[in-house]
Amino acid sequence: MTKIDRRIQRTYRALMDALVILALEKRYDSISIRDITDRANVSYSTFFRHFREKDDLLIELLRSVVIELERLIEHNPDKSREAEGLLIFQHIAANQAFFRVLFSSQGTSRIVQDIQETIAADMLRTIPFAHQQIVPPEIIANHAVATIMALVRWWLDHNMPYSVEEMSVIYSKLIGQGLQNLMINPSPA
C-alpha cells in the first residue's frame, strides 16, 4: 500500500470535512465544488488534482470510513456479533454527521447503493456461507447489508433513541443470528 504524502492527507481531510459540514447546512445536490474548496480553504484547481467531481470526494470519504470500521472489527479480539455491532454503532455515533449526510441526501443514493454492493461482495468473500441452501449467498449478503444500513438509518433518523450498547444487542439479534444460521461453521453470536 502506498503511503500518501502528509500534505495530501491534510488536503483530503480538509475537503472531506468541508463536504460534511456543507451537507449538514444544505442539500448535497446544491453544494458546488467551489463551495467545498472555499470552506476547506483549498484552491479550486487543487480539488481537480485529486478528484473529478464531488461524488468522487464523497466516495473517498465513505471508503475511508468503511476501511477504518473494517480495521476496528478485524483487530477486535472479540469476534461475536454483539462486539461487532458495538464497534459499528460506536463508529457511527462518532461519525454521525457524515452518516446523516450519507443517508439524508438524495444525491447520495447512487453512492449508498454502490457501497452496499461493495460491502455485500466483501461479505461473500469473508463469510463461509453454506452453498446447499434455498437462499443463494449473494442474496443473503445483499439482504444483510441492506438490513444493517436500514438499522443505522433508522437509528440516526430517530436521533439515536437507544444507546450504542442497546443497538449492538439489536444488531446481534437481527443480523448475527440470521447470518449464523446460514454459515457453514458458525461462531457463537
Protein backbone atom coordinates (compact mmCIF):
# COMPACT_ATOMS: atom_id res chain seq x y z
CA MET A 1 0.00 0.00 0.00
CA THR A 2 1.43 3.36 -0.98
CA LYS A 3 1.94 5.97 1.71
CA ILE A 4 0.16 9.24 0.98
CA ASP A 5 2.09 12.47 1.50
CA ARG A 6 1.01 14.31 4.68
CA ARG A 7 0.09 17.44 2.72
CA ILE A 8 -2.22 15.37 0.53
CA GLN A 9 -3.73 13.77 3.63
CA ARG A 10 -4.39 17.24 5.10
CA THR A 11 -5.97 18.37 1.82
CA TYR A 12 -8.17 15.26 1.69
CA ARG A 13 -9.23 15.76 5.31
CA ALA A 14 -9.99 19.47 4.75
CA LEU A 15 -12.08 18.70 1.65
CA MET A 16 -13.91 15.82 3.35
CA ASP A 17 -14.66 17.88 6.46
CA ALA A 18 -15.90 20.76 4.31
CA LEU A 19 -18.22 18.46 2.37
CA VAL A 20 -19.76 17.05 5.55
CA ILE A 21 -20.23 20.50 7.13
CA LEU A 22 -21.79 21.90 3.96
CA ALA A 23 -24.09 18.91 3.56
CA LEU A 24 -25.40 19.49 7.08
CA GLU A 25 -26.18 23.09 6.12
CA LYS A 26 -27.81 22.47 2.73
CA ARG A 27 -28.77 19.70 0.33
CA TYR A 28 -25.90 17.66 -1.10
CA ASP A 29 -27.15 18.34 -4.64
CA SER A 30 -26.85 22.08 -4.17
CA ILE A 31 -23.23 22.01 -2.98
CA SER A 32 -20.74 23.11 -5.61
CA ILE A 33 -17.08 22.23 -5.81
CA ARG A 34 -16.36 25.95 -5.30
CA ASP A 35 -18.36 25.79 -2.03
CA ILE A 36 -16.25 22.83 -0.90
CA THR A 37 -12.90 24.39 -1.79
CA ASP A 38 -13.83 27.73 -0.24
CA ARG A 39 -14.92 26.07 3.00
CA ALA A 40 -11.78 23.87 3.04
CA ASN A 41 -9.55 26.83 2.22
CA VAL A 42 -8.11 24.87 -0.70
CA SER A 43 -7.64 26.20 -4.21
CA TYR A 44 -10.24 25.22 -6.77
CA SER A 45 -7.62 23.66 -9.06
CA THR A 46 -6.25 21.56 -6.18
CA PHE A 47 -9.60 19.79 -5.92
CA PHE A 48 -9.27 18.57 -9.51
CA ARG A 49 -5.76 17.22 -8.91
CA HIS A 50 -7.36 14.68 -6.59
CA PHE A 51 -11.00 14.27 -7.67
CA ARG A 52 -13.07 14.55 -10.85
CA GLU A 53 -16.29 15.57 -9.09
CA LYS A 54 -17.79 15.93 -5.63
CA ASP A 55 -19.20 12.37 -5.78
CA ASP A 56 -15.60 11.12 -6.00
CA LEU A 57 -14.82 13.04 -2.82
CA LEU A 58 -17.84 11.53 -1.08
CA ILE A 59 -16.85 8.05 -2.27
CA GLU A 60 -13.32 8.57 -0.92
CA LEU A 61 -14.74 9.74 2.39
CA LEU A 62 -17.05 6.75 2.56
CA ARG A 63 -14.22 4.40 1.64
CA SER A 64 -12.04 5.78 4.44
CA VAL A 65 -14.85 5.39 6.98
CA VAL A 66 -15.58 1.81 5.86
CA ILE A 67 -11.87 0.86 5.88
CA GLU A 68 -11.48 2.28 9.39
CA LEU A 69 -14.52 0.34 10.58
CA GLU A 70 -13.33 -2.90 8.93
CA ARG A 71 -9.92 -2.45 10.59
CA LEU A 72 -11.54 -1.98 14.00
CA ILE A 73 -13.64 -5.13 13.57
CA GLU A 74 -10.72 -7.17 12.22
CA HIS A 75 -8.43 -6.25 15.12
CA ASN A 76 -11.02 -6.74 17.82
CA PRO A 77 -10.27 -9.96 19.73
CA ASP A 78 -13.99 -10.46 20.47
CA LYS A 79 -15.46 -11.87 17.25
CA SER A 80 -19.06 -12.08 18.48
CA ARG A 81 -21.79 -10.32 16.51
CA GLU A 82 -22.61 -8.22 19.58
CA ALA A 83 -19.00 -6.98 19.77
CA GLU A 84 -19.09 -6.30 16.02
CA GLY A 85 -22.35 -4.37 16.48
CA LEU A 86 -20.83 -2.39 19.34
CA LEU A 87 -17.91 -1.31 17.14
CA ILE A 88 -20.24 -0.43 14.25
CA PHE A 89 -22.55 1.71 16.38
CA GLN A 90 -19.68 3.36 18.28
CA HIS A 91 -18.17 4.26 14.91
CA ILE A 92 -21.46 5.59 13.60
CA ALA A 93 -22.04 7.64 16.76
CA ALA A 94 -18.53 9.10 16.45
CA ASN A 95 -19.10 9.91 12.75
CA GLN A 96 -22.80 10.64 12.86
CA ALA A 97 -22.55 13.89 10.88
CA PHE A 98 -21.11 12.00 7.95
CA PHE A 99 -23.68 9.19 8.16
CA ARG A 100 -26.55 11.67 8.44
CA VAL A 101 -25.36 13.31 5.23
CA LEU A 102 -24.96 9.97 3.52
CA PHE A 103 -28.45 8.76 4.37
CA SER A 104 -30.36 12.03 4.12
CA SER A 105 -29.22 13.44 0.78
CA GLN A 106 -31.00 12.38 -2.38
CA GLY A 107 -27.84 12.94 -4.40
CA THR A 108 -26.05 10.25 -2.41
CA SER A 109 -28.46 7.38 -3.15
CA ARG A 110 -26.32 6.04 -6.02
CA ILE A 111 -23.25 6.14 -3.82
CA VAL A 112 -25.08 4.36 -0.99
CA GLN A 113 -26.16 1.67 -3.47
CA ASP A 114 -22.58 1.26 -4.72
CA ILE A 115 -21.20 0.90 -1.21
CA GLN A 116 -23.96 -1.55 -0.30
CA GLU A 117 -22.92 -3.72 -3.25
CA THR A 118 -19.24 -3.43 -2.30
CA ILE A 119 -19.87 -4.44 1.32
CA ALA A 120 -22.08 -7.34 0.17
CA ALA A 121 -19.29 -8.52 -2.14
CA ASP A 122 -16.81 -8.30 0.77
CA MET A 123 -19.21 -10.29 2.92
CA LEU A 124 -19.41 -13.00 0.25
CA ARG A 125 -15.61 -13.27 0.28
CA THR A 126 -15.25 -13.38 4.05
CA ILE A 127 -18.26 -15.28 5.38
CA PRO A 128 -18.38 -19.03 4.76
CA PHE A 129 -21.99 -19.41 3.67
CA ALA A 130 -23.36 -22.92 3.23
CA HIS A 131 -23.89 -23.45 -0.51
CA GLN A 132 -26.54 -26.16 -0.26
CA GLN A 133 -29.44 -23.96 0.71
CA ILE A 134 -32.55 -22.44 -0.78
CA VAL A 135 -31.35 -18.83 -0.47
CA PRO A 136 -28.26 -18.08 -2.61
CA PRO A 137 -25.31 -16.49 -0.74
CA GLU A 138 -25.38 -13.29 -2.86
CA ILE A 139 -28.99 -12.68 -1.80
CA ILE A 140 -28.13 -13.34 1.84
CA ALA A 141 -25.22 -10.88 1.72
CA ASN A 142 -27.29 -8.20 0.00
CA HIS A 143 -30.13 -8.66 2.48
CA ALA A 144 -27.79 -8.48 5.47
CA VAL A 145 -26.11 -5.29 4.25
CA ALA A 146 -29.45 -3.66 3.37
CA THR A 147 -30.75 -4.56 6.84
CA ILE A 148 -27.65 -3.13 8.55
CA MET A 149 -27.94 0.09 6.55
CA ALA A 150 -31.68 0.36 7.30
CA LEU A 151 -30.98 -0.18 11.01
CA VAL A 152 -28.32 2.54 11.02
CA ARG A 153 -30.54 4.93 9.09
CA TRP A 154 -33.49 4.33 11.43
CA TRP A 155 -31.28 4.94 14.47
CA LEU A 156 -29.97 8.23 13.06
CA ASP A 157 -33.37 9.38 11.72
CA HIS A 158 -34.84 8.90 15.20
CA ASN A 159 -31.98 10.77 16.90
CA MET A 160 -30.37 7.65 18.35
CA PRO A 161 -33.05 6.78 20.94
CA TYR A 162 -31.19 3.63 22.02
CA SER A 163 -27.66 3.55 23.37
CA VAL A 164 -24.75 2.15 21.39
CA GLU A 165 -24.80 -0.87 23.71
CA GLU A 166 -28.52 -1.47 23.13
CA MET A 167 -28.02 -1.16 19.38
CA SER A 168 -25.22 -3.73 19.50
CA VAL A 169 -27.64 -6.23 21.07
CA ILE A 170 -30.31 -5.37 18.48
CA TYR A 171 -27.71 -5.78 15.73
CA SER A 172 -26.68 -9.16 17.12
CA LYS A 173 -30.29 -10.36 17.21
CA LEU A 174 -31.31 -9.04 13.78
CA ILE A 175 -28.13 -9.62 11.82
CA GLY A 176 -25.94 -12.03 13.75
CA GLN A 177 -28.44 -14.77 14.43
CA GLY A 178 -29.77 -14.76 10.89
CA LEU A 179 -26.30 -14.98 9.38
CA GLN A 180 -25.21 -17.60 11.88
CA ASN A 181 -27.96 -19.93 10.71
CA LEU A 182 -26.71 -19.65 7.12
CA MET A 183 -22.97 -20.13 7.69
CA ILE A 184 -21.04 -23.38 7.26
CA ASN A 185 -19.24 -23.31 10.65
CA PRO A 186 -20.92 -20.54 12.60
CA SER A 187 -19.18 -18.95 15.57
CA PRO A 188 -21.18 -18.08 18.66
CA ALA A 189 -23.29 -14.93 18.35
